[in-house]
Amino acid sequence: MKDGRKNEMALILAILKSPEIEYNANSLAKLLGLSAMGALKIARKLEAENILLSRKVGNAKIYSINNENEYANQYIKLLLKKEIEEASPYVKRWIREIQKIKRAQGSILYGSVLKKEKEAKDIDVLLIVNKNSFEAVKKQVEEINNLNEKKIHPLYQTKEDLKKHIKEKNKVILNALKGRMVSGEDTILQLLCP
């Protein structure tokens, strides 16, 4: 992947995975290690492609995901899949385990396993459930934990809980959102891009 595409991917995922932050070109540039002009050029391109929206706040333009555009939603899902494909073999191993949790409405792998990999003590997973599927999801997690030396440490959230915790800027939830979205991209996108 060329640097331009990689920077574009990083910019979109930064905006998506940080709903608590209102990004402008300067803040995106600092986060991604780009020049302000480079970040602005990427943001303008994505806005022209209708992937991003902007609104003026003073002299700055604040960027957000255009969740009304089906192309933007499909493009973001492609980037999320690419992020999974680019994961290390050890992380992919846990992604395959989490994909076995079929009754969850969505799942995000996060925490120390993404950085420390084998050195991580447990495997943190945010699982989006509804009240009807909670027990079934819990049982699936227990079955996976019985077969593995490292245990999945689940963080169960209903859609309503997740929406509320994002709005309240709950640090644990916001940290989890920065992880790898394993399943339920549509559900997660609806919650992150209302």
C-alpha atoms as a PDB file:
ATOM      1  CA  MET A   1       0.000   0.000   0.000  1.00  0.00           C
ATOM      2  CA  LYS A   2       1.368   3.410  -0.926  1.00  0.00           C
ATOM      3  CA  ASP A   3       1.996   5.936   1.841  1.00  0.00           C
ATOM      4  CA  GLY A   4      -0.879   8.115   0.596  1.00  0.00           C
ATOM      5  CA  ARG A   5      -3.381   5.282   0.951  1.00  0.00           C
ATOM      6  CA  LYS A   6      -1.921   4.292   4.306  1.00  0.00           C
ATOM      7  CA  ASN A   7      -2.239   7.872   5.565  1.00  0.00           C
ATOM      8  CA  GLU A   8      -5.787   8.051   4.223  1.00  0.00           C
ATOM      9  CA  MET A   9      -6.663   4.829   6.046  1.00  0.00           C
ATOM     10  CA  ALA A  10      -5.082   6.078   9.278  1.00  0.00           C
ATOM     11  CA  LEU A  11      -6.941   9.397   9.055  1.00  0.00           C
ATOM     12  CA  ILE A  12     -10.344   7.774   8.531  1.00  0.00           C
ATOM     13  CA  LEU A  13      -9.794   5.192  11.285  1.00  0.00           C
ATOM     14  CA  ALA A  14      -8.599   7.897  13.693  1.00  0.00           C
ATOM     15  CA  ILE A  15     -11.807   9.855  13.187  1.00  0.00           C
ATOM     16  CA  LEU A  16     -13.959   6.717  13.386  1.00  0.00           C
ATOM     17  CA  LYS A  17     -12.349   5.246  16.502  1.00  0.00           C
ATOM     18  CA  SER A  18     -12.219   8.482  18.485  1.00  0.00           C
ATOM     19  CA  PRO A  19     -15.809   9.730  18.683  1.00  0.00           C
ATOM     20  CA  GLU A  20     -14.852  11.797  21.740  1.00  0.00           C
ATOM     21  CA  ILE A  21     -12.464  13.999  19.728  1.00  0.00           C
ATOM     22  CA  GLU A  22     -13.360  16.662  17.202  1.00  0.00           C
ATOM     23  CA  TYR A  23     -10.508  16.534  14.706  1.00  0.00           C
ATOM     24  CA  ASN A  24      -9.378  19.316  12.423  1.00  0.00           C
ATOM     25  CA  ALA A  25      -6.520  19.080   9.916  1.00  0.00           C
ATOM     26  CA  ASN A  26      -3.921  20.290  12.465  1.00  0.00           C
ATOM     27  CA  SER A  27      -4.918  17.786  15.160  1.00  0.00           C
ATOM     28  CA  LEU A  28      -5.008  14.980  12.590  1.00  0.00           C
ATOM     29  CA  ALA A  29      -1.563  16.009  11.339  1.00  0.00           C
ATOM     30  CA  LYS A  30      -0.104  15.847  14.862  1.00  0.00           C
ATOM     31  CA  LEU A  31      -1.738  12.477  15.556  1.00  0.00           C
ATOM     32  CA  LEU A  32      -0.585  10.890  12.296  1.00  0.00           C
ATOM     33  CA  GLY A  33       2.834  12.528  12.032  1.00  0.00           C
ATOM     34  CA  LEU A  34       1.967  14.420   8.866  1.00  0.00           C
ATOM     35  CA  SER A  35       2.371  18.029   7.872  1.00  0.00           C
ATOM     36  CA  ALA A  36      -0.732  20.163   8.422  1.00  0.00           C
ATOM     37  CA  MET A  37      -0.968  20.664   4.651  1.00  0.00           C
ATOM     38  CA  GLY A  38      -0.669  16.899   4.053  1.00  0.00           C
ATOM     39  CA  ALA A  39      -3.508  16.128   6.491  1.00  0.00           C
ATOM     40  CA  LEU A  40      -5.619  18.925   5.013  1.00  0.00           C
ATOM     41  CA  LYS A  41      -5.054  17.604   1.484  1.00  0.00           C
ATOM     42  CA  ILE A  42      -6.166  14.090   2.526  1.00  0.00           C
ATOM     43  CA  ALA A  43      -9.195  15.411   4.432  1.00  0.00           C
ATOM     44  CA  ARG A  44     -10.270  17.588   1.477  1.00  0.00           C
ATOM     45  CA  LYS A  45      -9.916  14.640  -0.901  1.00  0.00           C
ATOM     46  CA  LEU A  46     -12.057  12.441   1.381  1.00  0.00           C
ATOM     47  CA  GLU A  47     -14.607  15.230   1.734  1.00  0.00           C
ATOM     48  CA  ALA A  48     -14.767  15.594  -2.064  1.00  0.00           C
ATOM     49  CA  GLU A  49     -15.357  11.813  -2.263  1.00  0.00           C
ATOM     50  CA  ASN A  50     -18.212  12.248   0.248  1.00  0.00           C
ATOM     51  CA  ILE A  51     -16.519   9.963   2.803  1.00  0.00           C
ATOM     52  CA  LEU A  52     -15.989  12.785   5.281  1.00  0.00           C
ATOM     53  CA  LEU A  53     -18.164  15.717   6.239  1.00  0.00           C
ATOM     54  CA  SER A  54     -16.918  18.973   7.680  1.00  0.00           C
ATOM     55  CA  ARG A  55     -18.369  21.787   9.713  1.00  0.00           C
ATOM     56  CA  LYS A  56     -16.848  25.129  10.568  1.00  0.00           C
ATOM     57  CA  VAL A  57     -15.940  25.908  14.168  1.00  0.00           C
ATOM     58  CA  GLY A  58     -14.310  29.332  14.199  1.00  0.00           C
ATOM     59  CA  ASN A  59     -11.593  29.214  11.561  1.00  0.00           C
ATOM     60  CA  ALA A  60     -11.209  25.428  11.740  1.00  0.00           C
ATOM     61  CA  LYS A  61     -13.020  22.696   9.861  1.00  0.00           C
ATOM     62  CA  ILE A  62     -14.012  19.743  12.045  1.00  0.00           C
ATOM     63  CA  TYR A  63     -14.190  16.435  10.172  1.00  0.00           C
ATOM     64  CA  SER A  64     -16.547  13.517  10.745  1.00  0.00           C
ATOM     65  CA  ILE A  65     -17.556  10.333   8.937  1.00  0.00           C
ATOM     66  CA  ASN A  66     -20.399  10.708   6.438  1.00  0.00           C
ATOM     67  CA  ASN A  67     -22.573   7.849   7.657  1.00  0.00           C
ATOM     68  CA  GLU A  68     -25.370   8.842   5.247  1.00  0.00           C
ATOM     69  CA  ASN A  69     -23.247   7.789   2.281  1.00  0.00           C
ATOM     70  CA  GLU A  70     -23.370   4.075   1.499  1.00  0.00           C
ATOM     71  CA  TYR A  71     -20.067   4.260  -0.398  1.00  0.00           C
ATOM     72  CA  ALA A  72     -18.413   5.767   2.704  1.00  0.00           C
ATOM     73  CA  ASN A  73     -19.822   2.983   4.899  1.00  0.00           C
ATOM     74  CA  GLN A  74     -18.606   0.273   2.514  1.00  0.00           C
ATOM     75  CA  TYR A  75     -15.199   1.928   2.211  1.00  0.00           C
ATOM     76  CA  ILE A  76     -14.823   2.094   5.999  1.00  0.00           C
ATOM     77  CA  LYS A  77     -15.811  -1.570   6.329  1.00  0.00           C
ATOM     78  CA  LEU A  78     -13.120  -2.394   3.758  1.00  0.00           C
ATOM     79  CA  LEU A  79     -10.559  -0.445   5.827  1.00  0.00           C
ATOM     80  CA  LEU A  80     -11.624  -2.304   8.979  1.00  0.00           C
ATOM     81  CA  LYS A  81     -11.162  -5.636   7.179  1.00  0.00           C
ATOM     82  CA  LYS A  82      -7.768  -4.478   5.896  1.00  0.00           C
ATOM     83  CA  GLU A  83      -6.775  -3.580   9.453  1.00  0.00           C
ATOM     84  CA  ILE A  84      -7.649  -7.152  10.501  1.00  0.00           C
ATOM     85  CA  GLU A  85      -5.686  -8.603   7.560  1.00  0.00           C
ATOM     86  CA  GLU A  86      -2.612  -6.563   8.479  1.00  0.00           C
ATOM     87  CA  ALA A  87      -2.622  -7.820  12.077  1.00  0.00           C
ATOM     88  CA  SER A  88       0.215 -10.014  13.300  1.00  0.00           C
ATOM     89  CA  PRO A  89      -0.242 -13.815  13.186  1.00  0.00           C
ATOM     90  CA  TYR A  90      -0.694 -13.935  16.977  1.00  0.00           C
ATOM     91  CA  VAL A  91      -3.436 -11.290  16.927  1.00  0.00           C
ATOM     92  CA  LYS A  92      -5.090 -13.048  13.959  1.00  0.00           C
ATOM     93  CA  ARG A  93      -5.180 -16.233  16.027  1.00  0.00           C
ATOM     94  CA  TRP A  94      -7.294 -14.432  18.640  1.00  0.00           C
ATOM     95  CA  ILE A  95      -9.424 -12.807  15.963  1.00  0.00           C
ATOM     96  CA  ARG A  96     -10.316 -16.302  14.721  1.00  0.00           C
ATOM     97  CA  GLU A  97     -11.247 -17.313  18.286  1.00  0.00           C
ATOM     98  CA  ILE A  98     -13.453 -14.242  18.731  1.00  0.00           C
ATOM     99  CA  GLN A  99     -15.150 -14.907  15.390  1.00  0.00           C
ATOM    100  CA  LYS A 100     -16.482 -18.121  16.964  1.00  0.00           C
ATOM    101  CA  ILE A 101     -18.705 -15.975  19.194  1.00  0.00           C
ATOM    102  CA  LYS A 102     -21.587 -15.984  16.738  1.00  0.00           C
ATOM    103  CA  ARG A 103     -24.368 -14.630  18.967  1.00  0.00           C
ATOM    104  CA  ALA A 104     -22.684 -11.273  19.683  1.00  0.00           C
ATOM    105  CA  GLN A 105     -23.944  -8.331  17.640  1.00  0.00           C
ATOM    106  CA  GLY A 106     -20.401  -7.014  17.419  1.00  0.00           C
ATOM    107  CA  SER A 107     -16.944  -7.606  18.848  1.00  0.00           C
ATOM    108  CA  ILE A 108     -13.785  -5.557  19.243  1.00  0.00           C
ATOM    109  CA  LEU A 109     -10.400  -6.977  20.239  1.00  0.00           C
ATOM    110  CA  TYR A 110      -8.489  -4.398  22.270  1.00  0.00           C
ATOM    111  CA  GLY A 111      -5.940  -3.961  25.022  1.00  0.00           C
ATOM    112  CA  SER A 112      -2.474  -5.333  25.619  1.00  0.00           C
ATOM    113  CA  VAL A 113      -2.738  -8.237  23.158  1.00  0.00           C
ATOM    114  CA  LEU A 114      -2.507  -5.731  20.287  1.00  0.00           C
ATOM    115  CA  LYS A 115       0.854  -4.421  21.506  1.00  0.00           C
ATOM    116  CA  LYS A 116       2.367  -7.055  23.779  1.00  0.00           C
ATOM    117  CA  GLU A 117       0.921 -10.008  21.870  1.00  0.00           C
ATOM    118  CA  LYS A 118       2.140 -13.200  23.606  1.00  0.00           C
ATOM    119  CA  GLU A 119       3.171 -11.224  26.694  1.00  0.00           C
ATOM    120  CA  ALA A 120      -0.440 -10.142  27.338  1.00  0.00           C
ATOM    121  CA  LYS A 121      -1.971 -11.731  30.419  1.00  0.00           C
ATOM    122  CA  ASP A 122      -5.479 -11.955  28.981  1.00  0.00           C
ATOM    123  CA  ILE A 123      -7.427 -11.127  25.854  1.00  0.00           C
ATOM    124  CA  ASP A 124      -9.698  -8.075  26.175  1.00  0.00           C
ATOM    125  CA  VAL A 125     -12.827  -8.161  24.022  1.00  0.00           C
ATOM    126  CA  LEU A 126     -15.762  -5.783  23.909  1.00  0.00           C
ATOM    127  CA  LEU A 127     -18.869  -7.791  23.033  1.00  0.00           C
ATOM    128  CA  ILE A 128     -22.090  -6.118  21.964  1.00  0.00           C
ATOM    129  CA  VAL A 129     -25.037  -8.205  23.109  1.00  0.00           C
ATOM    130  CA  ASN A 130     -28.746  -7.881  23.582  1.00  0.00           C
ATOM    131  CA  LYS A 131     -30.562  -9.143  26.627  1.00  0.00           C
ATOM    132  CA  ASN A 132     -31.844 -12.211  24.735  1.00  0.00           C
ATOM    133  CA  SER A 133     -28.422 -13.353  23.522  1.00  0.00           C
ATOM    134  CA  PHE A 134     -26.368 -12.502  26.619  1.00  0.00           C
ATOM    135  CA  GLU A 135     -26.406 -15.994  28.175  1.00  0.00           C
ATOM    136  CA  ALA A 136     -25.590 -17.666  24.846  1.00  0.00           C
ATOM    137  CA  VAL A 137     -22.666 -15.286  24.242  1.00  0.00           C
ATOM    138  CA  LYS A 138     -21.433 -15.816  27.791  1.00  0.00           C
ATOM    139  CA  LYS A 139     -21.519 -19.592  27.219  1.00  0.00           C
ATOM    140  CA  GLN A 140     -19.571 -19.259  23.949  1.00  0.00           C
ATOM    141  CA  VAL A 141     -16.904 -17.204  25.749  1.00  0.00           C
ATOM    142  CA  GLU A 142     -16.676 -19.841  28.507  1.00  0.00           C
ATOM    143  CA  GLU A 143     -16.247 -22.599  25.892  1.00  0.00           C
ATOM    144  CA  ILE A 144     -13.406 -20.688  24.222  1.00  0.00           C
ATOM    145  CA  ASN A 145     -11.796 -19.988  27.615  1.00  0.00           C
ATOM    146  CA  ASN A 146     -11.935 -23.702  28.502  1.00  0.00           C
ATOM    147  CA  LEU A 147      -9.866 -24.519  25.409  1.00  0.00           C
ATOM    148  CA  ASN A 148      -7.227 -21.802  25.711  1.00  0.00           C
ATOM    149  CA  GLU A 149      -4.436 -21.086  28.150  1.00  0.00           C
ATOM    150  CA  LYS A 150      -5.088 -17.341  27.972  1.00  0.00           C
ATOM    151  CA  LYS A 151      -8.584 -16.271  28.823  1.00  0.00           C
ATOM    152  CA  ILE A 152     -10.872 -13.857  27.064  1.00  0.00           C
ATOM    153  CA  HIS A 153     -11.761 -11.027  29.415  1.00  0.00           C
ATOM    154  CA  PRO A 154     -15.166  -9.936  28.064  1.00  0.00           C
ATOM    155  CA  LEU A 155     -16.643  -6.466  28.402  1.00  0.00           C
ATOM    156  CA  TYR A 156     -20.348  -6.960  27.701  1.00  0.00           C
ATOM    157  CA  GLN A 157     -22.329  -3.983  26.418  1.00  0.00           C
ATOM    158  CA  THR A 158     -25.791  -3.594  24.964  1.00  0.00           C
ATOM    159  CA  LYS A 159     -26.110  -1.082  22.124  1.00  0.00           C
ATOM    160  CA  GLU A 160     -27.802   1.295  24.548  1.00  0.00           C
ATOM    161  CA  ASP A 161     -25.021   0.896  27.130  1.00  0.00           C
ATOM    162  CA  LEU A 162     -22.356   1.470  24.502  1.00  0.00           C
ATOM    163  CA  LYS A 163     -24.074   4.562  23.109  1.00  0.00           C
ATOM    164  CA  LYS A 164     -24.464   5.958  26.652  1.00  0.00           C
ATOM    165  CA  HIS A 165     -20.838   5.222  27.591  1.00  0.00           C
ATOM    166  CA  ILE A 166     -19.514   6.827  24.400  1.00  0.00           C
ATOM    167  CA  LYS A 167     -21.562   9.942  25.139  1.00  0.00           C
ATOM    168  CA  GLU A 168     -20.280   9.975  28.746  1.00  0.00           C
ATOM    169  CA  LYS A 169     -16.697   9.571  27.413  1.00  0.00           C
ATOM    170  CA  ASN A 170     -16.115   6.425  29.482  1.00  0.00           C
ATOM    171  CA  LYS A 171     -12.345   5.816  29.266  1.00  0.00           C
ATOM    172  CA  VAL A 172     -12.572   1.999  29.180  1.00  0.00           C
ATOM    173  CA  ILE A 173     -15.086   2.065  26.321  1.00  0.00           C
ATOM    174  CA  LEU A 174     -13.184   4.732  24.379  1.00  0.00           C
ATOM    175  CA  ASN A 175     -10.003   2.659  24.752  1.00  0.00           C
ATOM    176  CA  ALA A 176     -11.826  -0.459  23.523  1.00  0.00           C
ATOM    177  CA  LEU A 177     -13.058   1.387  20.428  1.00  0.00           C
ATOM    178  CA  LYS A 178      -9.445   1.913  19.355  1.00  0.00           C
ATOM    179  CA  GLY A 179      -9.036  -1.856  18.957  1.00  0.00           C
ATOM    180  CA  ARG A 180      -9.686  -4.171  16.000  1.00  0.00           C
ATOM    181  CA  MET A 181     -13.332  -4.551  14.982  1.00  0.00           C
ATOM    182  CA  VAL A 182     -13.717  -8.291  14.552  1.00  0.00           C
ATOM    183  CA  SER A 183     -17.437  -8.575  13.812  1.00  0.00           C
ATOM    184  CA  GLY A 184     -20.611  -6.514  13.614  1.00  0.00           C
ATOM    185  CA  GLU A 185     -19.155  -3.638  11.609  1.00  0.00           C
ATOM    186  CA  ASP A 186     -22.624  -2.355  10.656  1.00  0.00           C
ATOM    187  CA  THR A 187     -23.738  -2.273  14.285  1.00  0.00           C
ATOM    188  CA  ILE A 188     -20.529  -0.592  15.422  1.00  0.00           C
ATOM    189  CA  LEU A 189     -20.626   1.979  12.607  1.00  0.00           C
ATOM    190  CA  GLN A 190     -24.197   2.917  13.542  1.00  0.00           C
ATOM    191  CA  LEU A 191     -23.078   3.524  17.115  1.00  0.00           C
ATOM    192  CA  LEU A 192     -19.911   5.461  16.230  1.00  0.00           C
ATOM    193  CA  CYS A 193     -21.425   7.534  13.436  1.00  0.00           C
ATOM    194  CA  PRO A 194     -24.949   8.426  14.569  1.00  0.00           C
END
